[in-house]
Amino acid sequence: MKKLNVVAGLALGAGLWAATVAPQNVLAHDTKGKTHKDQHVTVTVDSAGYHPATINVKAGQEVHLMFVSKGGGCANEVRIPALKKSIDLKPGQKKEVVFTPKKGQIIGFACSMKMYTGTVVAK
């Protein structure tokens, strides 16, 4: 297993702190003679929203986005319109979304009330 460094850059914008993170690790495995890499990212969900809120991934490589609930609130109702996915979490629950983004694609996610938001940026 090869680990990538997590980019923990913080930016102050519009009075809010936003964290940007790269995939936490990359797993290479063989699928019928073709090696491909998976990108695994964990998003913590709590009453303050999604952490990290911005996730940078490599385009064309499968992404495993794990949402982990650390509390209650509407942030537990994750909607990902571009992927036609909805996730409803209970406190302490984990759910994963797997997809392969295209270069330049920005995939937004938000709570059902759109109070809390996040993005996946494919580079």
N, C-alpha and C. Protein backbone atom coordinates (compact mmCIF):
# COMPACT_ATOMS: atom_id res chain seq x y z
N MET A 1 0.85 -1.17 0.00
CA MET A 1 0.00 0.00 0.00
C MET A 1 0.89 1.23 0.00
N LYS A 2 0.63 2.14 -0.90
CA LYS A 2 1.40 3.38 -1.01
C LYS A 2 0.55 4.51 -0.44
N LYS A 3 1.10 5.28 0.46
CA LYS A 3 0.36 6.39 1.07
C LYS A 3 0.74 7.70 0.42
N LEU A 4 -0.24 8.56 0.24
CA LEU A 4 0.01 9.91 -0.25
C LEU A 4 -0.04 10.85 0.94
N ASN A 5 0.68 11.92 0.87
CA ASN A 5 0.64 12.92 1.93
C ASN A 5 -0.69 13.64 1.88
N VAL A 6 -1.25 13.88 3.05
CA VAL A 6 -2.49 14.64 3.13
C VAL A 6 -2.13 16.11 3.13
N VAL A 7 -2.75 16.84 2.23
CA VAL A 7 -2.53 18.28 2.15
C VAL A 7 -3.50 18.92 3.12
N ALA A 8 -2.97 19.55 4.14
CA ALA A 8 -3.83 20.14 5.16
C ALA A 8 -3.79 21.66 5.09
N GLY A 9 -3.81 22.18 3.89
CA GLY A 9 -3.76 23.63 3.73
C GLY A 9 -5.08 24.24 4.14
N LEU A 10 -5.01 25.28 4.89
CA LEU A 10 -6.23 25.97 5.30
C LEU A 10 -6.27 27.33 4.62
N ALA A 11 -7.43 27.69 4.17
CA ALA A 11 -7.58 28.98 3.50
C ALA A 11 -8.72 29.73 4.15
N LEU A 12 -8.53 31.01 4.33
CA LEU A 12 -9.58 31.83 4.90
C LEU A 12 -10.30 32.53 3.76
N GLY A 13 -11.58 32.21 3.60
CA GLY A 13 -12.34 32.80 2.51
C GLY A 13 -13.75 33.10 2.96
N ALA A 14 -14.22 34.26 2.72
CA ALA A 14 -15.57 34.69 3.08
C ALA A 14 -15.85 34.47 4.56
N GLY A 15 -14.79 34.58 5.38
CA GLY A 15 -14.97 34.45 6.82
C GLY A 15 -15.06 33.01 7.30
N LEU A 16 -14.89 32.04 6.41
CA LEU A 16 -14.99 30.63 6.80
C LEU A 16 -13.67 29.93 6.52
N TRP A 17 -13.33 28.96 7.33
CA TRP A 17 -12.14 28.15 7.09
C TRP A 17 -12.53 26.99 6.20
N ALA A 18 -11.72 26.70 5.20
CA ALA A 18 -11.98 25.57 4.31
C ALA A 18 -10.70 24.75 4.20
N ALA A 19 -10.81 23.44 4.36
CA ALA A 19 -9.64 22.57 4.26
C ALA A 19 -9.65 21.87 2.91
N THR A 20 -8.47 21.70 2.33
CA THR A 20 -8.32 20.97 1.08
C THR A 20 -7.49 19.74 1.38
N VAL A 21 -7.91 18.61 0.87
CA VAL A 21 -7.19 17.37 1.16
C VAL A 21 -7.02 16.56 -0.10
N ALA A 22 -5.92 15.86 -0.18
CA ALA A 22 -5.66 14.91 -1.27
C ALA A 22 -6.09 13.54 -0.78
N PRO A 23 -6.24 12.56 -1.68
CA PRO A 23 -6.61 11.23 -1.24
C PRO A 23 -5.66 10.73 -0.15
N GLN A 24 -6.21 10.03 0.83
CA GLN A 24 -5.41 9.60 1.97
C GLN A 24 -4.48 8.45 1.63
N ASN A 25 -4.88 7.58 0.75
CA ASN A 25 -3.97 6.53 0.33
C ASN A 25 -4.41 6.01 -1.02
N VAL A 26 -3.50 5.35 -1.67
CA VAL A 26 -3.79 4.78 -2.97
C VAL A 26 -3.44 3.31 -2.90
N LEU A 27 -4.36 2.46 -3.29
CA LEU A 27 -4.12 1.02 -3.31
C LEU A 27 -4.02 0.58 -4.76
N ALA A 28 -2.95 -0.12 -5.08
CA ALA A 28 -2.80 -0.67 -6.44
C ALA A 28 -3.18 -2.14 -6.37
N HIS A 29 -4.00 -2.58 -7.31
CA HIS A 29 -4.33 -4.00 -7.36
C HIS A 29 -4.52 -4.42 -8.80
N ASP A 30 -4.47 -5.71 -9.02
CA ASP A 30 -4.51 -6.27 -10.36
C ASP A 30 -5.92 -6.75 -10.66
N THR A 31 -6.51 -6.26 -11.74
CA THR A 31 -7.84 -6.71 -12.17
C THR A 31 -7.70 -7.25 -13.58
N LYS A 32 -7.62 -8.58 -13.68
CA LYS A 32 -7.50 -9.25 -14.99
C LYS A 32 -6.32 -8.70 -15.80
N GLY A 33 -5.17 -8.61 -15.16
CA GLY A 33 -3.97 -8.18 -15.85
C GLY A 33 -3.78 -6.68 -15.94
N LYS A 34 -4.76 -5.90 -15.48
CA LYS A 34 -4.65 -4.45 -15.53
C LYS A 34 -4.51 -3.92 -14.10
N THR A 35 -3.43 -3.23 -13.85
CA THR A 35 -3.25 -2.64 -12.52
C THR A 35 -3.92 -1.28 -12.52
N HIS A 36 -4.73 -1.04 -11.50
CA HIS A 36 -5.28 0.31 -11.37
C HIS A 36 -5.24 0.73 -9.91
N LYS A 37 -5.30 2.01 -9.68
CA LYS A 37 -5.17 2.55 -8.34
C LYS A 37 -6.51 3.08 -7.85
N ASP A 38 -6.77 2.83 -6.58
CA ASP A 38 -7.98 3.35 -5.95
C ASP A 38 -7.58 4.49 -5.03
N GLN A 39 -8.40 5.51 -4.97
CA GLN A 39 -8.18 6.64 -4.09
C GLN A 39 -9.22 6.56 -2.97
N HIS A 40 -8.75 6.55 -1.73
CA HIS A 40 -9.64 6.43 -0.57
C HIS A 40 -9.60 7.72 0.24
N VAL A 41 -10.77 8.30 0.46
CA VAL A 41 -10.87 9.54 1.23
C VAL A 41 -11.99 9.37 2.24
N THR A 42 -11.73 9.76 3.49
CA THR A 42 -12.75 9.73 4.54
C THR A 42 -13.22 11.14 4.81
N VAL A 43 -14.53 11.33 4.79
CA VAL A 43 -15.15 12.62 5.09
C VAL A 43 -15.90 12.47 6.40
N THR A 44 -15.50 13.24 7.40
CA THR A 44 -16.19 13.22 8.68
C THR A 44 -17.40 14.15 8.59
N VAL A 45 -18.53 13.65 9.06
CA VAL A 45 -19.79 14.40 9.03
C VAL A 45 -20.18 14.70 10.47
N ASP A 46 -20.33 15.99 10.80
CA ASP A 46 -20.77 16.35 12.14
C ASP A 46 -21.71 17.56 12.08
N SER A 47 -22.06 18.09 13.22
CA SER A 47 -23.02 19.19 13.25
C SER A 47 -22.48 20.48 12.63
N ALA A 48 -21.17 20.53 12.33
CA ALA A 48 -20.58 21.71 11.70
C ALA A 48 -20.40 21.51 10.19
N GLY A 49 -20.73 20.32 9.67
CA GLY A 49 -20.63 20.08 8.24
C GLY A 49 -19.73 18.93 7.86
N TYR A 50 -18.98 19.09 6.76
CA TYR A 50 -18.14 18.04 6.19
C TYR A 50 -16.67 18.41 6.33
N HIS A 51 -15.88 17.44 6.75
CA HIS A 51 -14.45 17.67 6.98
C HIS A 51 -13.65 16.53 6.37
N PRO A 52 -12.86 16.75 5.33
CA PRO A 52 -12.63 18.01 4.64
C PRO A 52 -13.80 18.35 3.73
N ALA A 53 -13.91 19.61 3.40
CA ALA A 53 -14.99 20.08 2.54
C ALA A 53 -14.57 20.11 1.07
N THR A 54 -13.26 20.17 0.82
CA THR A 54 -12.74 20.15 -0.55
C THR A 54 -11.76 19.00 -0.67
N ILE A 55 -11.97 18.15 -1.67
CA ILE A 55 -11.15 16.96 -1.85
C ILE A 55 -10.61 16.96 -3.27
N ASN A 56 -9.29 16.91 -3.41
CA ASN A 56 -8.65 16.84 -4.73
C ASN A 56 -8.30 15.40 -5.03
N VAL A 57 -8.71 14.92 -6.21
CA VAL A 57 -8.42 13.54 -6.62
C VAL A 57 -7.84 13.53 -8.03
N LYS A 58 -7.27 12.39 -8.40
CA LYS A 58 -6.75 12.23 -9.75
C LYS A 58 -7.88 11.74 -10.66
N ALA A 59 -8.04 12.41 -11.78
CA ALA A 59 -9.06 12.03 -12.75
C ALA A 59 -8.75 10.67 -13.34
N GLY A 60 -9.79 9.93 -13.70
CA GLY A 60 -9.63 8.64 -14.35
C GLY A 60 -9.29 7.50 -13.42
N GLN A 61 -9.17 7.77 -12.12
CA GLN A 61 -8.89 6.73 -11.14
C GLN A 61 -10.06 6.60 -10.18
N GLU A 62 -10.42 5.38 -9.87
CA GLU A 62 -11.56 5.12 -8.99
C GLU A 62 -11.37 5.79 -7.63
N VAL A 63 -12.43 6.43 -7.15
CA VAL A 63 -12.43 7.11 -5.86
C VAL A 63 -13.39 6.39 -4.92
N HIS A 64 -12.93 6.13 -3.70
CA HIS A 64 -13.76 5.57 -2.65
C HIS A 64 -13.93 6.67 -1.61
N LEU A 65 -15.11 7.25 -1.58
CA LEU A 65 -15.41 8.36 -0.68
C LEU A 65 -16.24 7.81 0.48
N MET A 66 -15.63 7.75 1.67
CA MET A 66 -16.29 7.19 2.86
C MET A 66 -16.80 8.33 3.73
N PHE A 67 -18.10 8.38 3.95
CA PHE A 67 -18.71 9.36 4.83
C PHE A 67 -18.90 8.71 6.20
N VAL A 68 -18.38 9.36 7.25
CA VAL A 68 -18.44 8.83 8.61
C VAL A 68 -19.15 9.84 9.50
N SER A 69 -20.29 9.45 10.06
CA SER A 69 -21.07 10.35 10.89
C SER A 69 -20.53 10.39 12.31
N LYS A 70 -20.33 11.59 12.82
CA LYS A 70 -19.87 11.79 14.20
C LYS A 70 -20.93 12.50 15.04
N GLY A 71 -22.15 12.60 14.54
CA GLY A 71 -23.20 13.27 15.29
C GLY A 71 -24.47 13.40 14.48
N GLY A 72 -25.44 14.10 15.03
CA GLY A 72 -26.72 14.26 14.36
C GLY A 72 -26.77 15.53 13.53
N GLY A 73 -27.91 15.78 12.94
CA GLY A 73 -28.10 16.99 12.15
C GLY A 73 -28.32 16.69 10.69
N CYS A 74 -28.65 17.75 9.94
CA CYS A 74 -28.98 17.56 8.53
C CYS A 74 -27.77 17.21 7.67
N ALA A 75 -26.53 17.43 8.17
CA ALA A 75 -25.34 17.06 7.40
C ALA A 75 -25.29 15.55 7.14
N ASN A 76 -26.02 14.78 7.95
CA ASN A 76 -26.08 13.33 7.78
C ASN A 76 -26.90 12.90 6.56
N GLU A 77 -27.58 13.84 5.94
CA GLU A 77 -28.34 13.56 4.73
C GLU A 77 -27.53 14.09 3.55
N VAL A 78 -26.62 13.28 3.03
CA VAL A 78 -25.69 13.70 1.98
C VAL A 78 -26.31 13.47 0.61
N ARG A 79 -26.34 14.51 -0.20
CA ARG A 79 -26.86 14.43 -1.56
C ARG A 79 -25.73 14.73 -2.54
N ILE A 80 -25.56 13.86 -3.55
CA ILE A 80 -24.53 14.04 -4.57
C ILE A 80 -25.22 13.99 -5.93
N PRO A 81 -25.77 15.11 -6.37
CA PRO A 81 -26.57 15.14 -7.61
C PRO A 81 -25.85 14.63 -8.85
N ALA A 82 -24.58 14.98 -9.04
CA ALA A 82 -23.84 14.57 -10.24
C ALA A 82 -23.72 13.05 -10.35
N LEU A 83 -23.74 12.37 -9.20
CA LEU A 83 -23.64 10.91 -9.19
C LEU A 83 -25.00 10.25 -8.98
N LYS A 84 -26.04 11.08 -8.84
CA LYS A 84 -27.40 10.58 -8.56
C LYS A 84 -27.40 9.67 -7.34
N LYS A 85 -26.73 10.14 -6.27
CA LYS A 85 -26.61 9.38 -5.03
C LYS A 85 -27.14 10.18 -3.86
N SER A 86 -27.78 9.50 -2.95
CA SER A 86 -28.23 10.07 -1.68
C SER A 86 -27.81 9.10 -0.57
N ILE A 87 -27.25 9.65 0.49
CA ILE A 87 -26.81 8.84 1.62
C ILE A 87 -27.47 9.40 2.86
N ASP A 88 -28.09 8.55 3.63
CA ASP A 88 -28.66 8.96 4.91
C ASP A 88 -27.90 8.20 5.99
N LEU A 89 -27.22 8.95 6.86
CA LEU A 89 -26.40 8.36 7.91
C LEU A 89 -27.05 8.52 9.27
N LYS A 90 -26.81 7.56 10.13
CA LYS A 90 -27.17 7.67 11.54
C LYS A 90 -25.88 7.94 12.29
N PRO A 91 -25.94 8.59 13.46
CA PRO A 91 -24.71 8.84 14.21
C PRO A 91 -23.91 7.56 14.40
N GLY A 92 -22.60 7.65 14.09
CA GLY A 92 -21.71 6.50 14.22
C GLY A 92 -21.64 5.61 12.98
N GLN A 93 -22.48 5.86 11.99
CA GLN A 93 -22.56 5.03 10.79
C GLN A 93 -21.58 5.50 9.72
N LYS A 94 -21.13 4.55 8.88
CA LYS A 94 -20.24 4.83 7.74
C LYS A 94 -20.92 4.33 6.47
N LYS A 95 -20.79 5.11 5.41
CA LYS A 95 -21.27 4.67 4.09
C LYS A 95 -20.29 5.17 3.04
N GLU A 96 -20.11 4.34 2.00
CA GLU A 96 -19.13 4.63 0.96
C GLU A 96 -19.80 4.85 -0.39
N VAL A 97 -19.23 5.78 -1.15
CA VAL A 97 -19.63 6.04 -2.53
C VAL A 97 -18.39 5.81 -3.38
N VAL A 98 -18.53 5.04 -4.46
CA VAL A 98 -17.41 4.73 -5.34
C VAL A 98 -17.73 5.26 -6.73
N PHE A 99 -16.78 5.99 -7.33
CA PHE A 99 -16.99 6.56 -8.66
C PHE A 99 -15.63 6.84 -9.29
N THR A 100 -15.63 7.06 -10.59
CA THR A 100 -14.43 7.43 -11.33
C THR A 100 -14.67 8.77 -12.00
N PRO A 101 -14.00 9.83 -11.50
CA PRO A 101 -14.23 11.17 -12.06
C PRO A 101 -13.46 11.40 -13.35
N LYS A 102 -13.99 12.32 -14.15
CA LYS A 102 -13.32 12.73 -15.38
C LYS A 102 -12.47 13.97 -15.09
N LYS A 103 -11.46 14.22 -15.91
CA LYS A 103 -10.57 15.36 -15.72
C LYS A 103 -11.37 16.66 -15.75
N GLY A 104 -11.09 17.50 -14.76
CA GLY A 104 -11.77 18.79 -14.66
C GLY A 104 -13.14 18.74 -14.02
N GLN A 105 -13.62 17.55 -13.72
CA GLN A 105 -14.96 17.41 -13.13
C GLN A 105 -14.95 17.89 -11.68
N ILE A 106 -15.97 18.63 -11.32
CA ILE A 106 -16.18 19.07 -9.94
C ILE A 106 -17.49 18.48 -9.49
N ILE A 107 -17.43 17.65 -8.47
CA ILE A 107 -18.61 16.94 -7.98
C ILE A 107 -18.97 17.52 -6.62
N GLY A 108 -20.11 18.17 -6.56
CA GLY A 108 -20.56 18.78 -5.32
C GLY A 108 -21.39 17.82 -4.49
N PHE A 109 -21.31 17.98 -3.17
CA PHE A 109 -22.21 17.25 -2.27
C PHE A 109 -22.70 18.22 -1.20
N ALA A 110 -23.89 17.95 -0.68
CA ALA A 110 -24.50 18.87 0.28
C ALA A 110 -25.53 18.13 1.12
N CYS A 111 -25.89 18.75 2.23
CA CYS A 111 -26.99 18.20 3.02
C CYS A 111 -28.30 18.48 2.28
N SER A 112 -29.38 17.89 2.73
CA SER A 112 -30.65 18.05 2.03
C SER A 112 -31.14 19.50 2.04
N MET A 113 -30.71 20.29 3.02
CA MET A 113 -31.13 21.69 3.09
C MET A 113 -30.11 22.62 2.42
N LYS A 114 -29.01 22.07 1.93
CA LYS A 114 -27.92 22.80 1.27
C LYS A 114 -27.25 23.83 2.18
N MET A 115 -27.30 23.56 3.50
CA MET A 115 -26.61 24.41 4.47
C MET A 115 -25.13 24.05 4.54
N TYR A 116 -24.81 22.77 4.38
CA TYR A 116 -23.45 22.27 4.44
C TYR A 116 -23.09 21.71 3.06
N THR A 117 -21.91 22.09 2.58
CA THR A 117 -21.52 21.66 1.23
C THR A 117 -20.08 21.19 1.20
N GLY A 118 -19.76 20.46 0.14
CA GLY A 118 -18.40 20.01 -0.11
C GLY A 118 -18.22 19.73 -1.58
N THR A 119 -16.97 19.59 -2.03
CA THR A 119 -16.70 19.29 -3.43
C THR A 119 -15.55 18.30 -3.57
N VAL A 120 -15.64 17.54 -4.65
CA VAL A 120 -14.56 16.67 -5.08
C VAL A 120 -14.08 17.25 -6.41
N VAL A 121 -12.79 17.57 -6.50
CA VAL A 121 -12.22 18.18 -7.69
C VAL A 121 -11.26 17.18 -8.34
N ALA A 122 -11.54 16.82 -9.59
CA ALA A 122 -10.69 15.87 -10.32
C ALA A 122 -9.68 16.62 -11.16
N LYS A 123 -8.40 16.33 -10.93
CA LYS A 123 -7.32 17.01 -11.67
C LYS A 123 -6.56 16.02 -12.52
